[in-house]
């Protein structure tokens, strides 16, 4: 099936009216690739067939939305960044840092943040948010497979997880530090209060430039003076000085005091 048969404007409109999910900030090429892949896999040949099923069949709708969301699950993804976080960033944030994992997917980042803070002697409060309810449901279980755990240092895996056959469970003491909620980063109001650390990694690379800048403004606005923004390896903040941010190491920005 040719990608030209997909009318992205129609898909965006139907998804917005049916589910409340606003896809306007996602790059056309990213959205087109995922919609086309879903249609080929599911046998849809026209936009009309696709949107009819989205509107009428809840199982198709859930499968479609899961295909659209980007669910990166590795714990301690890019370990060198987590070492820097522990050794340099968290040491400046006090004993009770307030942390936001924005776009947390299935919870790997949120639990990794909680563990990193605990390892520095802190007792963090971690808010983890995502737009995808299925991902949040999985996150709340705290259960991960070997592939999800492949970058976790062995000592951290032993201390903060319990192995059950082929899966690993987050230590309940860590899980209690993390609260999950559904939140649309581009269209919902940000959570109340200010944070010592906001992590939003491997999310904005799929956004258009205007949506990316809008989100970074929101995230920077939620940081207290001296707080840190933690982004993905392939991401950067445009014109950080306009947001009162300064570079603070690879993939880290700090809000001016």
C-alpha atoms as a PDB file:
ATOM      1  CA  UNK A   1       0.000   0.000   0.000  1.00  0.00           C
ATOM      2  CA  UNK A   2       1.339   3.420  -0.938  1.00  0.00           C
ATOM      3  CA  UNK A   3       1.832   5.918   1.858  1.00  0.00           C
ATOM      4  CA  UNK A   4      -0.006   8.415  -0.358  1.00  0.00           C
ATOM      5  CA  UNK A   5      -3.305   6.721   0.505  1.00  0.00           C
ATOM      6  CA  UNK A   6      -2.986   7.931   4.099  1.00  0.00           C
ATOM      7  CA  UNK A   7      -4.577  11.300   4.848  1.00  0.00           C
ATOM      8  CA  UNK A   8      -2.746  12.420   7.968  1.00  0.00           C
ATOM      9  CA  UNK A   9      -5.091  15.359   8.580  1.00  0.00           C
ATOM     10  CA  UNK A  10      -8.047  12.968   8.731  1.00  0.00           C
ATOM     11  CA  UNK A  11      -6.178  10.571  11.009  1.00  0.00           C
ATOM     12  CA  UNK A  12      -5.197  13.391  13.362  1.00  0.00           C
ATOM     13  CA  UNK A  13      -8.759  14.714  13.489  1.00  0.00           C
ATOM     14  CA  UNK A  14     -10.364  11.324  14.134  1.00  0.00           C
ATOM     15  CA  UNK A  15      -7.833  10.371  16.799  1.00  0.00           C
ATOM     16  CA  UNK A  16      -8.370  13.725  18.532  1.00  0.00           C
ATOM     17  CA  UNK A  17     -12.167  13.445  18.550  1.00  0.00           C
ATOM     18  CA  UNK A  18     -12.213   9.726  19.427  1.00  0.00           C
ATOM     19  CA  UNK A  19      -9.467   9.461  22.027  1.00  0.00           C
ATOM     20  CA  UNK A  20      -8.496  13.019  22.971  1.00  0.00           C
ATOM     21  CA  UNK A  21      -4.914  12.394  21.857  1.00  0.00           C
ATOM     22  CA  UNK A  22      -3.512  15.351  19.917  1.00  0.00           C
ATOM     23  CA  UNK A  23      -1.052  14.235  17.229  1.00  0.00           C
ATOM     24  CA  UNK A  24      -0.484  17.691  15.752  1.00  0.00           C
ATOM     25  CA  UNK A  25       2.951  18.049  17.311  1.00  0.00           C
ATOM     26  CA  UNK A  26       4.364  14.832  15.819  1.00  0.00           C
ATOM     27  CA  UNK A  27       6.406  15.185  12.635  1.00  0.00           C
ATOM     28  CA  UNK A  28       4.537  14.156   9.487  1.00  0.00           C
ATOM     29  CA  UNK A  29       7.200  11.644   8.479  1.00  0.00           C
ATOM     30  CA  UNK A  30       7.169   9.960  11.882  1.00  0.00           C
ATOM     31  CA  UNK A  31       3.386   9.782  11.994  1.00  0.00           C
ATOM     32  CA  UNK A  32       3.120   8.620   8.386  1.00  0.00           C
ATOM     33  CA  UNK A  33       5.635   5.840   8.962  1.00  0.00           C
ATOM     34  CA  UNK A  34       3.770   4.477  11.963  1.00  0.00           C
ATOM     35  CA  UNK A  35       0.303   4.774  10.448  1.00  0.00           C
ATOM     36  CA  UNK A  36       1.438   3.126   7.223  1.00  0.00           C
ATOM     37  CA  UNK A  37       3.121   0.285   9.105  1.00  0.00           C
ATOM     38  CA  UNK A  38      -0.041  -0.297  11.136  1.00  0.00           C
ATOM     39  CA  UNK A  39      -2.221  -0.322   8.020  1.00  0.00           C
ATOM     40  CA  UNK A  40       0.009  -2.784   6.192  1.00  0.00           C
ATOM     41  CA  UNK A  41       0.150  -5.097   9.187  1.00  0.00           C
ATOM     42  CA  UNK A  42      -3.608  -4.908   9.755  1.00  0.00           C
ATOM     43  CA  UNK A  43      -4.759  -5.027   6.132  1.00  0.00           C
ATOM     44  CA  UNK A  44      -6.244  -1.543   5.780  1.00  0.00           C
ATOM     45  CA  UNK A  45      -6.007  -0.104   2.271  1.00  0.00           C
ATOM     46  CA  UNK A  46      -7.680   3.287   2.730  1.00  0.00           C
ATOM     47  CA  UNK A  47      -7.815   6.009   5.320  1.00  0.00           C
ATOM     48  CA  UNK A  48     -11.585   5.546   5.518  1.00  0.00           C
ATOM     49  CA  UNK A  49     -11.230   1.873   6.507  1.00  0.00           C
ATOM     50  CA  UNK A  50      -8.681   2.750   9.162  1.00  0.00           C
ATOM     51  CA  UNK A  51     -10.619   5.574  10.800  1.00  0.00           C
ATOM     52  CA  UNK A  52     -13.855   3.566  10.753  1.00  0.00           C
ATOM     53  CA  UNK A  53     -12.186   0.819  12.756  1.00  0.00           C
ATOM     54  CA  UNK A  54     -10.589   3.315  15.138  1.00  0.00           C
ATOM     55  CA  UNK A  55     -14.014   4.803  15.808  1.00  0.00           C
ATOM     56  CA  UNK A  56     -15.917   1.517  16.158  1.00  0.00           C
ATOM     57  CA  UNK A  57     -13.526  -1.116  17.533  1.00  0.00           C
ATOM     58  CA  UNK A  58     -11.914  -0.467  20.910  1.00  0.00           C
ATOM     59  CA  UNK A  59      -9.322  -3.242  20.451  1.00  0.00           C
ATOM     60  CA  UNK A  60      -8.192  -1.782  17.111  1.00  0.00           C
ATOM     61  CA  UNK A  61      -8.096   1.671  18.685  1.00  0.00           C
ATOM     62  CA  UNK A  62      -5.886   0.478  21.552  1.00  0.00           C
ATOM     63  CA  UNK A  63      -3.552  -1.383  19.178  1.00  0.00           C
ATOM     64  CA  UNK A  64      -3.311   1.646  16.907  1.00  0.00           C
ATOM     65  CA  UNK A  65      -2.484   4.052  19.747  1.00  0.00           C
ATOM     66  CA  UNK A  66       0.131   1.652  21.083  1.00  0.00           C
ATOM     67  CA  UNK A  67       1.745   1.653  17.636  1.00  0.00           C
ATOM     68  CA  UNK A  68       1.843   5.451  17.594  1.00  0.00           C
ATOM     69  CA  UNK A  69       3.524   5.875  20.959  1.00  0.00           C
ATOM     70  CA  UNK A  70       7.276   5.444  21.304  1.00  0.00           C
ATOM     71  CA  UNK A  71       7.956   3.057  24.170  1.00  0.00           C
ATOM     72  CA  UNK A  72      11.660   2.866  24.996  1.00  0.00           C
ATOM     73  CA  UNK A  73      11.957   0.570  27.997  1.00  0.00           C
ATOM     74  CA  UNK A  74      15.643   0.074  28.801  1.00  0.00           C
ATOM     75  CA  UNK A  75      16.556   0.817  32.396  1.00  0.00           C
ATOM     76  CA  UNK A  76      19.747   2.821  32.841  1.00  0.00           C
ATOM     77  CA  UNK A  77      19.756   3.613  29.109  1.00  0.00           C
ATOM     78  CA  UNK A  78      23.208   5.087  28.276  1.00  0.00           C
ATOM     79  CA  UNK A  79      24.900   4.133  31.588  1.00  0.00           C
ATOM     80  CA  UNK A  80      27.553   6.852  31.347  1.00  0.00           C
ATOM     81  CA  UNK A  81      24.823   9.485  31.654  1.00  0.00           C
ATOM     82  CA  UNK A  82      23.499   7.837  34.801  1.00  0.00           C
ATOM     83  CA  UNK A  83      26.945   7.809  36.357  1.00  0.00           C
ATOM     84  CA  UNK A  84      27.206  11.544  35.684  1.00  0.00           C
ATOM     85  CA  UNK A  85      23.722  12.013  37.131  1.00  0.00           C
ATOM     86  CA  UNK A  86      24.690  10.252  40.356  1.00  0.00           C
ATOM     87  CA  UNK A  87      28.162  11.703  40.762  1.00  0.00           C
ATOM     88  CA  UNK A  88      27.554  15.309  39.709  1.00  0.00           C
ATOM     89  CA  UNK A  89      23.897  16.289  39.419  1.00  0.00           C
ATOM     90  CA  UNK A  90      22.097  14.547  42.271  1.00  0.00           C
ATOM     91  CA  UNK A  91      24.798  15.522  44.740  1.00  0.00           C
ATOM     92  CA  UNK A  92      23.615  19.134  44.366  1.00  0.00           C
ATOM     93  CA  UNK A  93      19.897  18.495  44.768  1.00  0.00           C
ATOM     94  CA  UNK A  94      19.635  17.759  48.476  1.00  0.00           C
ATOM     95  CA  UNK A  95      18.200  14.815  50.380  1.00  0.00           C
ATOM     96  CA  UNK A  96      14.618  15.067  49.140  1.00  0.00           C
ATOM     97  CA  UNK A  97      14.727  15.971  45.454  1.00  0.00           C
ATOM     98  CA  UNK A  98      11.486  16.346  43.545  1.00  0.00           C
ATOM     99  CA  UNK A  99      11.837  14.677  40.142  1.00  0.00           C
ATOM    100  CA  UNK A 100       9.606  14.532  37.053  1.00  0.00           C
ATOM    101  CA  UNK A 101      10.023  11.790  34.442  1.00  0.00           C
ATOM    102  CA  UNK A 102       8.155  13.393  31.534  1.00  0.00           C
ATOM    103  CA  UNK A 103       7.157  10.887  28.863  1.00  0.00           C
ATOM    104  CA  UNK A 104       8.051   7.918  31.065  1.00  0.00           C
ATOM    105  CA  UNK A 105       6.738   5.178  28.736  1.00  0.00           C
ATOM    106  CA  UNK A 106       6.728   1.880  30.666  1.00  0.00           C
ATOM    107  CA  UNK A 107       8.497   3.310  33.690  1.00  0.00           C
ATOM    108  CA  UNK A 108      12.119   2.307  33.132  1.00  0.00           C
ATOM    109  CA  UNK A 109      13.368   5.888  33.299  1.00  0.00           C
ATOM    110  CA  UNK A 110      11.289   6.723  36.368  1.00  0.00           C
ATOM    111  CA  UNK A 111      12.547   3.753  38.360  1.00  0.00           C
ATOM    112  CA  UNK A 112      16.114   4.405  37.195  1.00  0.00           C
ATOM    113  CA  UNK A 113      15.844   7.987  38.466  1.00  0.00           C
ATOM    114  CA  UNK A 114      14.522   6.812  41.819  1.00  0.00           C
ATOM    115  CA  UNK A 115      17.320   4.251  42.169  1.00  0.00           C
ATOM    116  CA  UNK A 116      20.004   6.776  41.193  1.00  0.00           C
ATOM    117  CA  UNK A 117      18.761   9.183  43.860  1.00  0.00           C
ATOM    118  CA  UNK A 118      18.580   6.452  46.511  1.00  0.00           C
ATOM    119  CA  UNK A 119      22.166   5.463  45.711  1.00  0.00           C
ATOM    120  CA  UNK A 120      23.277   8.987  46.636  1.00  0.00           C
ATOM    121  CA  UNK A 121      21.549   8.754  50.008  1.00  0.00           C
ATOM    122  CA  UNK A 122      18.498  10.798  48.995  1.00  0.00           C
ATOM    123  CA  UNK A 123      14.803  10.005  49.351  1.00  0.00           C
ATOM    124  CA  UNK A 124      13.263  11.320  46.126  1.00  0.00           C
ATOM    125  CA  UNK A 125       9.698  11.954  45.105  1.00  0.00           C
ATOM    126  CA  UNK A 126       9.326  10.911  41.471  1.00  0.00           C
ATOM    127  CA  UNK A 127       6.345  11.887  39.336  1.00  0.00           C
ATOM    128  CA  UNK A 128       6.211   9.853  36.120  1.00  0.00           C
ATOM    129  CA  UNK A 129       3.835  10.818  33.334  1.00  0.00           C
ATOM    130  CA  UNK A 130       2.967   9.510  29.896  1.00  0.00           C
ATOM    131  CA  UNK A 131       0.152   9.898  27.382  1.00  0.00           C
ATOM    132  CA  UNK A 132      -0.300   6.145  26.824  1.00  0.00           C
ATOM    133  CA  UNK A 133      -2.471   4.371  29.389  1.00  0.00           C
ATOM    134  CA  UNK A 134      -1.258   0.895  28.401  1.00  0.00           C
ATOM    135  CA  UNK A 135       2.348   1.929  29.016  1.00  0.00           C
ATOM    136  CA  UNK A 136       1.412   3.355  32.411  1.00  0.00           C
ATOM    137  CA  UNK A 137      -0.389   0.156  33.374  1.00  0.00           C
ATOM    138  CA  UNK A 138       2.766  -1.812  32.580  1.00  0.00           C
ATOM    139  CA  UNK A 139       4.921   0.722  34.414  1.00  0.00           C
ATOM    140  CA  UNK A 140       2.919   0.296  37.598  1.00  0.00           C
ATOM    141  CA  UNK A 141       3.690  -3.442  37.669  1.00  0.00           C
ATOM    142  CA  UNK A 142       7.432  -2.733  37.959  1.00  0.00           C
ATOM    143  CA  UNK A 143       8.196  -5.884  35.974  1.00  0.00           C
ATOM    144  CA  UNK A 144      10.883  -5.978  33.255  1.00  0.00           C
ATOM    145  CA  UNK A 145      12.518  -8.611  31.068  1.00  0.00           C
ATOM    146  CA  UNK A 146      16.176  -9.317  30.427  1.00  0.00           C
ATOM    147  CA  UNK A 147      16.285  -7.051  27.387  1.00  0.00           C
ATOM    148  CA  UNK A 148      14.951  -4.155  29.457  1.00  0.00           C
ATOM    149  CA  UNK A 149      17.653  -4.831  32.059  1.00  0.00           C
ATOM    150  CA  UNK A 150      20.617  -5.261  29.729  1.00  0.00           C
ATOM    151  CA  UNK A 151      22.290  -1.936  30.612  1.00  0.00           C
ATOM    152  CA  UNK A 152      21.692  -2.084  34.365  1.00  0.00           C
ATOM    153  CA  UNK A 153      24.967  -2.545  36.283  1.00  0.00           C
ATOM    154  CA  UNK A 154      25.077  -5.916  38.043  1.00  0.00           C
ATOM    155  CA  UNK A 155      25.337  -4.445  41.543  1.00  0.00           C
ATOM    156  CA  UNK A 156      22.267  -2.277  40.958  1.00  0.00           C
ATOM    157  CA  UNK A 157      20.289  -5.219  39.575  1.00  0.00           C
ATOM    158  CA  UNK A 158      21.138  -7.316  42.650  1.00  0.00           C
ATOM    159  CA  UNK A 159      20.292  -4.616  45.159  1.00  0.00           C
ATOM    160  CA  UNK A 160      17.186  -2.998  43.665  1.00  0.00           C
ATOM    161  CA  UNK A 161      15.470  -5.820  41.733  1.00  0.00           C
ATOM    162  CA  UNK A 162      14.289  -9.335  42.444  1.00  0.00           C
ATOM    163  CA  UNK A 163      14.538 -11.927  39.712  1.00  0.00           C
ATOM    164  CA  UNK A 164      11.573 -14.193  38.987  1.00  0.00           C
ATOM    165  CA  UNK A 165      12.471 -16.575  36.187  1.00  0.00           C
ATOM    166  CA  UNK A 166      12.912 -14.492  33.047  1.00  0.00           C
ATOM    167  CA  UNK A 167      11.638 -11.255  34.581  1.00  0.00           C
ATOM    168  CA  UNK A 168      12.852  -8.742  37.142  1.00  0.00           C
ATOM    169  CA  UNK A 169      10.729  -6.904  39.695  1.00  0.00           C
ATOM    170  CA  UNK A 170      11.568  -3.460  41.058  1.00  0.00           C
ATOM    171  CA  UNK A 171      12.161  -3.428  44.795  1.00  0.00           C
ATOM    172  CA  UNK A 172       8.923  -2.292  46.521  1.00  0.00           C
ATOM    173  CA  UNK A 173      10.926   0.295  48.476  1.00  0.00           C
ATOM    174  CA  UNK A 174      11.871   1.915  45.149  1.00  0.00           C
ATOM    175  CA  UNK A 175       8.402   1.505  43.646  1.00  0.00           C
ATOM    176  CA  UNK A 176       6.870   3.432  46.545  1.00  0.00           C
ATOM    177  CA  UNK A 177       8.914   6.488  45.572  1.00  0.00           C
ATOM    178  CA  UNK A 178       7.326   6.707  42.104  1.00  0.00           C
ATOM    179  CA  UNK A 179       3.823   7.899  41.215  1.00  0.00           C
ATOM    180  CA  UNK A 180       2.451   7.440  37.686  1.00  0.00           C
ATOM    181  CA  UNK A 181      -0.166   9.574  35.982  1.00  0.00           C
ATOM    182  CA  UNK A 182      -1.476  10.155  32.477  1.00  0.00           C
ATOM    183  CA  UNK A 183      -0.447  13.501  31.036  1.00  0.00           C
ATOM    184  CA  UNK A 184      -0.215  14.900  27.495  1.00  0.00           C
ATOM    185  CA  UNK A 185       3.017  16.901  27.468  1.00  0.00           C
ATOM    186  CA  UNK A 186       1.920  19.199  24.645  1.00  0.00           C
ATOM    187  CA  UNK A 187      -1.679  19.845  25.583  1.00  0.00           C
ATOM    188  CA  UNK A 188      -2.218  19.315  29.317  1.00  0.00           C
ATOM    189  CA  UNK A 189      -1.195  21.760  31.998  1.00  0.00           C
ATOM    190  CA  UNK A 190       2.125  20.835  33.618  1.00  0.00           C
ATOM    191  CA  UNK A 191       2.062  19.324  37.108  1.00  0.00           C
ATOM    192  CA  UNK A 192       1.912  21.846  39.946  1.00  0.00           C
ATOM    193  CA  UNK A 193       4.988  23.021  41.763  1.00  0.00           C
ATOM    194  CA  UNK A 194       8.614  23.108  40.742  1.00  0.00           C
ATOM    195  CA  UNK A 195      11.089  20.272  40.330  1.00  0.00           C
ATOM    196  CA  UNK A 196      14.751  19.794  41.145  1.00  0.00           C
ATOM    197  CA  UNK A 197      15.201  17.516  38.143  1.00  0.00           C
ATOM    198  CA  UNK A 198      13.128  16.990  35.003  1.00  0.00           C
ATOM    199  CA  UNK A 199      14.018  14.105  32.694  1.00  0.00           C
ATOM    200  CA  UNK A 200      12.518  14.059  29.214  1.00  0.00           C
ATOM    201  CA  UNK A 201      14.590  11.759  27.036  1.00  0.00           C
ATOM    202  CA  UNK A 202      14.035  10.432  23.529  1.00  0.00           C
ATOM    203  CA  UNK A 203      10.663  12.153  23.244  1.00  0.00           C
ATOM    204  CA  UNK A 204      11.100  15.442  21.386  1.00  0.00           C
ATOM    205  CA  UNK A 205      13.111  13.886  18.537  1.00  0.00           C
ATOM    206  CA  UNK A 206       9.727  12.862  17.102  1.00  0.00           C
ATOM    207  CA  UNK A 207       8.225  16.358  17.436  1.00  0.00           C
ATOM    208  CA  UNK A 208       8.111  19.227  14.974  1.00  0.00           C
ATOM    209  CA  UNK A 209      10.399  22.124  15.868  1.00  0.00           C
ATOM    210  CA  UNK A 210       7.577  24.333  17.140  1.00  0.00           C
ATOM    211  CA  UNK A 211       6.236  21.558  19.374  1.00  0.00           C
ATOM    212  CA  UNK A 212       9.756  20.760  20.571  1.00  0.00           C
ATOM    213  CA  UNK A 213      10.366  24.382  21.562  1.00  0.00           C
ATOM    214  CA  UNK A 214       6.968  24.577  23.260  1.00  0.00           C
ATOM    215  CA  UNK A 215       7.705  21.496  25.352  1.00  0.00           C
ATOM    216  CA  UNK A 216      11.168  22.686  26.354  1.00  0.00           C
ATOM    217  CA  UNK A 217       9.646  25.999  27.485  1.00  0.00           C
ATOM    218  CA  UNK A 218       7.195  24.073  29.626  1.00  0.00           C
ATOM    219  CA  UNK A 219       9.853  21.816  31.124  1.00  0.00           C
ATOM    220  CA  UNK A 220      12.210  24.699  31.861  1.00  0.00           C
ATOM    221  CA  UNK A 221       9.352  26.564  33.478  1.00  0.00           C
ATOM    222  CA  UNK A 222       8.820  23.695  35.907  1.00  0.00           C
ATOM    223  CA  UNK A 223      12.416  23.757  37.143  1.00  0.00           C
ATOM    224  CA  UNK A 224      13.325  25.568  40.307  1.00  0.00           C
ATOM    225  CA  UNK A 225      16.381  27.859  40.050  1.00  0.00           C
ATOM    226  CA  UNK A 226      19.417  25.571  40.072  1.00  0.00           C
ATOM    227  CA  UNK A 227      17.364  22.588  38.891  1.00  0.00           C
ATOM    228  CA  UNK A 228      18.423  20.315  36.033  1.00  0.00           C
ATOM    229  CA  UNK A 229      16.880  19.243  32.734  1.00  0.00           C
ATOM    230  CA  UNK A 230      18.023  15.796  31.482  1.00  0.00           C
ATOM    231  CA  UNK A 231      17.478  15.131  27.745  1.00  0.00           C
ATOM    232  CA  UNK A 232      18.257  12.291  25.331  1.00  0.00           C
ATOM    233  CA  UNK A 233      21.559  11.680  23.563  1.00  0.00           C
ATOM    234  CA  UNK A 234      20.235  12.894  20.203  1.00  0.00           C
ATOM    235  CA  UNK A 235      18.397  15.904  21.634  1.00  0.00           C
ATOM    236  CA  UNK A 236      19.256  19.491  22.432  1.00  0.00           C
ATOM    237  CA  UNK A 237      17.429  22.599  23.573  1.00  0.00           C
ATOM    238  CA  UNK A 238      17.265  25.391  21.015  1.00  0.00           C
ATOM    239  CA  UNK A 239      18.355  28.767  22.373  1.00  0.00           C
ATOM    240  CA  UNK A 240      18.674  27.565  25.978  1.00  0.00           C
ATOM    241  CA  UNK A 241      19.599  31.029  27.255  1.00  0.00           C
ATOM    242  CA  UNK A 242      16.091  32.215  26.343  1.00  0.00           C
ATOM    243  CA  UNK A 243      14.787  29.639  28.822  1.00  0.00           C
ATOM    244  CA  UNK A 244      17.347  30.601  31.481  1.00  0.00           C
ATOM    245  CA  UNK A 245      19.164  27.315  30.899  1.00  0.00           C
ATOM    246  CA  UNK A 246      22.904  26.763  30.676  1.00  0.00           C
ATOM    247  CA  UNK A 247      24.786  23.656  29.601  1.00  0.00           C
ATOM    248  CA  UNK A 248      25.747  21.485  32.570  1.00  0.00           C
ATOM    249  CA  UNK A 249      27.373  18.429  31.013  1.00  0.00           C
ATOM    250  CA  UNK A 250      26.396  16.051  28.214  1.00  0.00           C
ATOM    251  CA  UNK A 251      22.586  16.025  27.880  1.00  0.00           C
ATOM    252  CA  UNK A 252      22.130  18.173  30.982  1.00  0.00           C
ATOM    253  CA  UNK A 253      21.024  21.785  31.335  1.00  0.00           C
ATOM    254  CA  UNK A 254      20.792  23.785  34.550  1.00  0.00           C
ATOM    255  CA  UNK A 255      18.384  26.593  35.272  1.00  0.00           C
ATOM    256  CA  UNK A 256      20.058  29.821  36.208  1.00  0.00           C
ATOM    257  CA  UNK A 257      19.886  30.777  39.860  1.00  0.00           C
END
